[in-house]
C-alpha atoms as a PDB file:
ATOM      1  CA  MET A   1     -66.900  37.644 -12.438  1.00  0.00           C
ATOM      2  CA  LYS A   2     -66.590  35.107  -9.635  1.00  0.00           C
ATOM      3  CA  ARG A   3     -64.502  32.812 -11.842  1.00  0.00           C
ATOM      4  CA  PHE A   4     -62.235  35.713 -12.825  1.00  0.00           C
ATOM      5  CA  LEU A   5     -61.570  36.606  -9.193  1.00  0.00           C
ATOM      6  CA  THR A   6     -60.852  32.965  -8.386  1.00  0.00           C
ATOM      7  CA  VAL A   7     -58.324  32.720 -11.217  1.00  0.00           C
ATOM      8  CA  ILE A   8     -56.622  35.950 -10.180  1.00  0.00           C
ATOM      9  CA  SER A   9     -56.477  34.832  -6.537  1.00  0.00           C
ATOM     10  CA  LEU A  10     -54.994  31.438  -7.393  1.00  0.00           C
ATOM     11  CA  SER A  11     -52.465  32.995  -9.756  1.00  0.00           C
ATOM     12  CA  GLY A  12     -51.380  35.439  -7.096  1.00  0.00           C
ATOM     13  CA  ALA A  13     -51.055  32.690  -4.521  1.00  0.00           C
ATOM     14  CA  GLY A  14     -48.958  30.631  -6.920  1.00  0.00           C
ATOM     15  CA  LEU A  15     -46.640  33.548  -7.560  1.00  0.00           C
ATOM     16  CA  LEU A  16     -46.227  34.208  -3.850  1.00  0.00           C
ATOM     17  CA  ILE A  17     -45.348  30.576  -3.188  1.00  0.00           C
ATOM     18  CA  ALA A  18     -42.827  30.606  -6.033  1.00  0.00           C
ATOM     19  CA  CYS A  19     -41.135  33.693  -4.579  1.00  0.00           C
ATOM     20  CA  GLY A  20     -40.114  31.936  -1.374  1.00  0.00           C
ATOM     21  CA  PRO A  21     -36.430  31.491  -0.570  1.00  0.00           C
ATOM     22  CA  ALA A  22     -34.605  28.669  -2.297  1.00  0.00           C
ATOM     23  CA  PRO A  23     -31.895  26.582  -0.629  1.00  0.00           C
ATOM     24  CA  THR A  24     -29.210  27.477  -3.206  1.00  0.00           C
ATOM     25  CA  PRO A  25     -28.523  30.501  -5.420  1.00  0.00           C
ATOM     26  CA  GLN A  26     -28.910  28.323  -8.523  1.00  0.00           C
ATOM     27  CA  GLN A  27     -32.381  27.238  -7.454  1.00  0.00           C
ATOM     28  CA  GLN A  28     -33.298  30.852  -6.691  1.00  0.00           C
ATOM     29  CA  ALA A  29     -32.140  31.913 -10.171  1.00  0.00           C
ATOM     30  CA  ALA A  30     -34.182  29.097 -11.724  1.00  0.00           C
ATOM     31  CA  ARG A  31     -37.282  30.224  -9.802  1.00  0.00           C
ATOM     32  CA  GLN A  32     -36.811  33.816 -10.885  1.00  0.00           C
ATOM     33  CA  HIS A  33     -36.549  32.670 -14.506  1.00  0.00           C
ATOM     34  CA  GLU A  34     -39.735  30.623 -14.165  1.00  0.00           C
ATOM     35  CA  ILE A  35     -41.563  33.595 -12.654  1.00  0.00           C
ATOM     36  CA  ALA A  36     -40.400  35.817 -15.514  1.00  0.00           C
ATOM     37  CA  CYS A  37     -41.609  33.250 -18.052  1.00  0.00           C
ATOM     38  CA  LEU A  38     -44.972  32.929 -16.322  1.00  0.00           C
ATOM     39  CA  GLY A  39     -45.373  36.695 -16.068  1.00  0.00           C
ATOM     40  CA  GLY A  40     -44.557  37.183 -19.746  1.00  0.00           C
ATOM     41  CA  THR A  41     -46.946  34.445 -20.806  1.00  0.00           C
ATOM     42  CA  LEU A  42     -49.842  35.705 -18.672  1.00  0.00           C
ATOM     43  CA  GLY A  43     -49.205  39.324 -19.604  1.00  0.00           C
ATOM     44  CA  GLY A  44     -49.099  38.481 -23.304  1.00  0.00           C
ATOM     45  CA  ALA A  45     -52.291  36.451 -23.037  1.00  0.00           C
ATOM     46  CA  LEU A  46     -54.113  39.295 -21.289  1.00  0.00           C
ATOM     47  CA  ILE A  47     -52.979  41.883 -23.811  1.00  0.00           C
ATOM     48  CA  GLY A  48     -53.667  39.584 -26.775  1.00  0.00           C
ATOM     49  CA  GLY A  49     -57.131  38.756 -25.446  1.00  0.00           C
ATOM     50  CA  ALA A  50     -57.909  42.448 -24.948  1.00  0.00           C
ATOM     51  CA  ILE A  51     -56.824  43.266 -28.493  1.00  0.00           C
ATOM     52  CA  GLY A  52     -58.715  40.301 -29.960  1.00  0.00           C
ATOM     53  CA  ASN A  53     -61.835  41.368 -28.072  1.00  0.00           C
ATOM     54  CA  GLN A  54     -61.899  44.636 -30.027  1.00  0.00           C
ATOM     55  CA  PHE A  55     -62.761  42.859 -33.280  1.00  0.00           C
ATOM     56  CA  GLY A  56     -65.697  40.822 -34.547  1.00  0.00           C
ATOM     57  CA  GLY A  57     -69.170  40.391 -33.176  1.00  0.00           C
ATOM     58  CA  GLY A  58     -71.240  37.615 -31.596  1.00  0.00           C
ATOM     59  CA  SER A  59     -69.430  34.297 -31.484  1.00  0.00           C
ATOM     60  CA  GLY A  60     -66.749  35.707 -33.785  1.00  0.00           C
ATOM     61  CA  LYS A  61     -65.766  38.092 -31.010  1.00  0.00           C
ATOM     62  CA  ASP A  62     -65.324  35.161 -28.623  1.00  0.00           C
ATOM     63  CA  ILE A  63     -63.204  33.290 -31.166  1.00  0.00           C
ATOM     64  CA  LEU A  64     -61.011  36.323 -31.826  1.00  0.00           C
ATOM     65  CA  THR A  65     -60.620  36.955 -28.097  1.00  0.00           C
ATOM     66  CA  ALA A  66     -59.472  33.371 -27.543  1.00  0.00           C
ATOM     67  CA  ALA A  67     -57.175  33.481 -30.574  1.00  0.00           C
ATOM     68  CA  GLY A  68     -55.686  36.761 -29.370  1.00  0.00           C
ATOM     69  CA  ALA A  69     -55.102  35.309 -25.909  1.00  0.00           C
ATOM     70  CA  VAL A  70     -53.371  32.244 -27.353  1.00  0.00           C
ATOM     71  CA  ALA A  71     -51.239  34.289 -29.740  1.00  0.00           C
ATOM     72  CA  GLY A  72     -50.386  36.823 -27.030  1.00  0.00           C
ATOM     73  CA  GLY A  73     -49.490  34.087 -24.557  1.00  0.00           C
ATOM     74  CA  TYR A  74     -47.250  32.442 -27.109  1.00  0.00           C
ATOM     75  CA  GLY A  75     -45.564  35.721 -27.990  1.00  0.00           C
ATOM     76  CA  GLY A  76     -45.131  36.691 -24.349  1.00  0.00           C
ATOM     77  CA  GLN A  77     -43.610  33.309 -23.566  1.00  0.00           C
ATOM     78  CA  ARG A  78     -41.219  33.525 -26.511  1.00  0.00           C
ATOM     79  CA  TYR A  79     -40.150  37.038 -25.536  1.00  0.00           C
ATOM     80  CA  SER A  80     -39.708  36.472 -21.801  1.00  0.00           C
ATOM     81  CA  CYS A  81     -38.101  33.020 -21.779  1.00  0.00           C
END
């Protein structure tokens, strides 16, 4: 649980830093695109991991959770970028 909270805190801090003002409109648009890509990738990984966690048992459940997270992250990245 401690590791999960650390990851969430660092992710949130990274997003807040990325949302700062950019010197030019082009740089601001590039940042917004990067944030959208990151959000889609993380969202897809979370949803894919949650779906993968519903299947299997024992170590198979862990494998399916990881596979779901990877597949969801890939799909979210493809969709959002």
